[in-house]
Amino acid sequence: MIGGLIKRDPAGDNRSDVTPTAAQIVAGFAGGIVGSSFEFTIRNDADAAETITLTAGAGVTLSGTMTIAQNNSKRFLCRLDNIGSGTEAVTIYSLGTVVH
């Protein structure tokens, strides 16, 4: 997830993808401090009108529209809000959609 392109095919139906937990995201961000952030993109490669919806793992807050339609990509920014052990928190912001 950190700093990459995630290509997804819903494989025949709408789907929800759950983010990793905030603890997992913080653990995967070497040297991250509160306020650190990274961008990632999810591309919906569906061959029909199938939607992907991003949902929040534990400790994750989502801001903005989290649905990605067929043949669209959506950019996200993930910000570390709390990195304390057992109290990790992140916010994922939707940055916009690109139509292919």
C-alpha atoms as a PDB file:
ATOM      1  CA  MET A   1       0.000   0.000   0.000  1.00  0.00           C
ATOM      2  CA  ILE A   2       2.762   2.443   0.870  1.00  0.00           C
ATOM      3  CA  GLY A   3       3.603   4.579  -2.131  1.00  0.00           C
ATOM      4  CA  GLY A   4       2.297   2.367  -4.872  1.00  0.00           C
ATOM      5  CA  LEU A   5      -0.244   1.450  -7.489  1.00  0.00           C
ATOM      6  CA  ILE A   6      -2.794  -1.183  -6.509  1.00  0.00           C
ATOM      7  CA  LYS A   7      -4.536  -2.777  -9.500  1.00  0.00           C
ATOM      8  CA  ARG A   8      -7.832  -4.475  -8.644  1.00  0.00           C
ATOM      9  CA  ASP A   9     -10.396  -6.451 -10.613  1.00  0.00           C
ATOM     10  CA  PRO A  10     -13.641  -6.961  -8.667  1.00  0.00           C
ATOM     11  CA  ALA A  11     -14.060 -10.281 -10.550  1.00  0.00           C
ATOM     12  CA  GLY A  12     -17.764 -10.201 -11.300  1.00  0.00           C
ATOM     13  CA  ASP A  13     -19.346  -8.131  -8.532  1.00  0.00           C
ATOM     14  CA  ASN A  14     -19.017  -4.935  -6.515  1.00  0.00           C
ATOM     15  CA  ARG A  15     -16.537  -5.358  -3.687  1.00  0.00           C
ATOM     16  CA  SER A  16     -15.308  -3.694  -0.520  1.00  0.00           C
ATOM     17  CA  ASP A  17     -11.600  -3.627   0.259  1.00  0.00           C
ATOM     18  CA  VAL A  18     -10.639  -3.090   3.901  1.00  0.00           C
ATOM     19  CA  THR A  19      -7.485  -1.080   4.557  1.00  0.00           C
ATOM     20  CA  PRO A  20      -4.794  -2.510   6.781  1.00  0.00           C
ATOM     21  CA  THR A  21      -5.166  -1.437  10.417  1.00  0.00           C
ATOM     22  CA  ALA A  22      -3.525   1.785  11.562  1.00  0.00           C
ATOM     23  CA  ALA A  23      -1.036  -0.311  13.560  1.00  0.00           C
ATOM     24  CA  GLN A  24      -0.071  -2.222  10.400  1.00  0.00           C
ATOM     25  CA  ILE A  25       0.288   0.977   8.368  1.00  0.00           C
ATOM     26  CA  VAL A  26       2.440   2.656  11.044  1.00  0.00           C
ATOM     27  CA  ALA A  27       4.614  -0.475  11.357  1.00  0.00           C
ATOM     28  CA  GLY A  28       5.151  -0.494   7.587  1.00  0.00           C
ATOM     29  CA  PHE A  29       6.219   3.162   7.470  1.00  0.00           C
ATOM     30  CA  ALA A  30       9.887   3.043   8.517  1.00  0.00           C
ATOM     31  CA  GLY A  31      10.882   6.230  10.326  1.00  0.00           C
ATOM     32  CA  GLY A  32       7.359   7.649  10.182  1.00  0.00           C
ATOM     33  CA  ILE A  33       6.458  10.428  12.618  1.00  0.00           C
ATOM     34  CA  VAL A  34       3.140  12.116  13.320  1.00  0.00           C
ATOM     35  CA  GLY A  35       2.259  14.127  10.229  1.00  0.00           C
ATOM     36  CA  SER A  36       4.194  11.886   7.834  1.00  0.00           C
ATOM     37  CA  SER A  37       2.205  10.894   4.772  1.00  0.00           C
ATOM     38  CA  PHE A  38       2.345   8.913   1.568  1.00  0.00           C
ATOM     39  CA  GLU A  39       0.211   8.650  -1.551  1.00  0.00           C
ATOM     40  CA  PHE A  40      -1.133   5.553  -3.233  1.00  0.00           C
ATOM     41  CA  THR A  41      -3.479   4.856  -6.133  1.00  0.00           C
ATOM     42  CA  ILE A  42      -6.102   2.161  -6.613  1.00  0.00           C
ATOM     43  CA  ARG A  43      -7.066   1.308 -10.196  1.00  0.00           C
ATOM     44  CA  ASN A  44     -10.319  -0.538 -10.925  1.00  0.00           C
ATOM     45  CA  ASP A  45      -9.633  -2.831 -13.899  1.00  0.00           C
ATOM     46  CA  ALA A  46     -13.143  -4.347 -13.958  1.00  0.00           C
ATOM     47  CA  ASP A  47     -14.460  -5.632 -17.280  1.00  0.00           C
ATOM     48  CA  ALA A  48     -18.036  -4.640 -16.318  1.00  0.00           C
ATOM     49  CA  ALA A  49     -19.810  -1.980 -14.216  1.00  0.00           C
ATOM     50  CA  GLU A  50     -18.319  -3.156 -10.902  1.00  0.00           C
ATOM     51  CA  THR A  51     -17.368  -0.768  -8.110  1.00  0.00           C
ATOM     52  CA  ILE A  52     -14.654  -1.011  -5.467  1.00  0.00           C
ATOM     53  CA  THR A  53     -15.321   0.664  -2.120  1.00  0.00           C
ATOM     54  CA  LEU A  54     -12.476   1.312   0.304  1.00  0.00           C
ATOM     55  CA  THR A  55     -13.473   0.674   3.946  1.00  0.00           C
ATOM     56  CA  ALA A  56     -11.559   1.419   7.137  1.00  0.00           C
ATOM     57  CA  GLY A  57      -9.516  -1.033   9.168  1.00  0.00           C
ATOM     58  CA  ALA A  58      -9.164  -0.492  12.926  1.00  0.00           C
ATOM     59  CA  GLY A  59      -7.734   2.934  13.769  1.00  0.00           C
ATOM     60  CA  VAL A  60      -8.221   4.258  10.228  1.00  0.00           C
ATOM     61  CA  THR A  61     -10.397   7.279   9.416  1.00  0.00           C
ATOM     62  CA  LEU A  62     -11.541   7.816   5.821  1.00  0.00           C
ATOM     63  CA  SER A  63     -12.188  11.286   4.398  1.00  0.00           C
ATOM     64  CA  GLY A  64     -13.915  11.871   1.069  1.00  0.00           C
ATOM     65  CA  THR A  65     -15.442   9.563  -1.507  1.00  0.00           C
ATOM     66  CA  MET A  66     -14.094   6.029  -1.247  1.00  0.00           C
ATOM     67  CA  THR A  67     -15.766   4.416  -4.275  1.00  0.00           C
ATOM     68  CA  ILE A  68     -13.883   3.619  -7.472  1.00  0.00           C
ATOM     69  CA  ALA A  69     -15.925   2.905 -10.596  1.00  0.00           C
ATOM     70  CA  GLN A  70     -14.956   0.645 -13.502  1.00  0.00           C
ATOM     71  CA  ASN A  71     -12.027   1.995 -15.554  1.00  0.00           C
ATOM     72  CA  ASN A  72     -11.226   4.646 -12.934  1.00  0.00           C
ATOM     73  CA  SER A  73      -8.268   5.219 -10.653  1.00  0.00           C
ATOM     74  CA  LYS A  74      -8.442   7.104  -7.377  1.00  0.00           C
ATOM     75  CA  ARG A  75      -5.510   8.756  -5.597  1.00  0.00           C
ATOM     76  CA  PHE A  76      -5.305   8.727  -1.821  1.00  0.00           C
ATOM     77  CA  LEU A  77      -3.104  10.362   0.807  1.00  0.00           C
ATOM     78  CA  CYS A  78      -2.509   8.502   4.064  1.00  0.00           C
ATOM     79  CA  ARG A  79      -1.401  10.671   7.019  1.00  0.00           C
ATOM     80  CA  LEU A  80      -0.045   9.288  10.298  1.00  0.00           C
ATOM     81  CA  ASP A  81      -2.064  10.895  13.126  1.00  0.00           C
ATOM     82  CA  ASN A  82      -0.739   8.867  16.083  1.00  0.00           C
ATOM     83  CA  ILE A  83       2.181   6.434  16.145  1.00  0.00           C
ATOM     84  CA  GLY A  84       2.078   5.414  19.820  1.00  0.00           C
ATOM     85  CA  SER A  85       2.028   1.670  20.419  1.00  0.00           C
ATOM     86  CA  GLY A  86      -1.567   0.570  20.921  1.00  0.00           C
ATOM     87  CA  THR A  87      -2.965   3.982  19.954  1.00  0.00           C
ATOM     88  CA  GLU A  88      -1.961   4.149  16.292  1.00  0.00           C
ATOM     89  CA  ALA A  89      -4.242   6.242  14.090  1.00  0.00           C
ATOM     90  CA  VAL A  90      -4.156   7.307  10.449  1.00  0.00           C
ATOM     91  CA  THR A  91      -6.431   9.263   8.123  1.00  0.00           C
ATOM     92  CA  ILE A  92      -6.793   8.387   4.454  1.00  0.00           C
ATOM     93  CA  TYR A  93      -7.938  11.282   2.255  1.00  0.00           C
ATOM     94  CA  SER A  94      -9.422  10.856  -1.223  1.00  0.00           C
ATOM     95  CA  LEU A  95      -7.518  13.130  -3.637  1.00  0.00           C
ATOM     96  CA  GLY A  96      -9.522  12.632  -6.795  1.00  0.00           C
ATOM     97  CA  THR A  97     -10.434  10.319  -9.628  1.00  0.00           C
ATOM     98  CA  VAL A  98      -8.901   9.695 -13.043  1.00  0.00           C
ATOM     99  CA  VAL A  99     -11.073   8.156 -15.777  1.00  0.00           C
ATOM    100  CA  HIS A 100      -9.312   5.794 -18.216  1.00  0.00           C
END
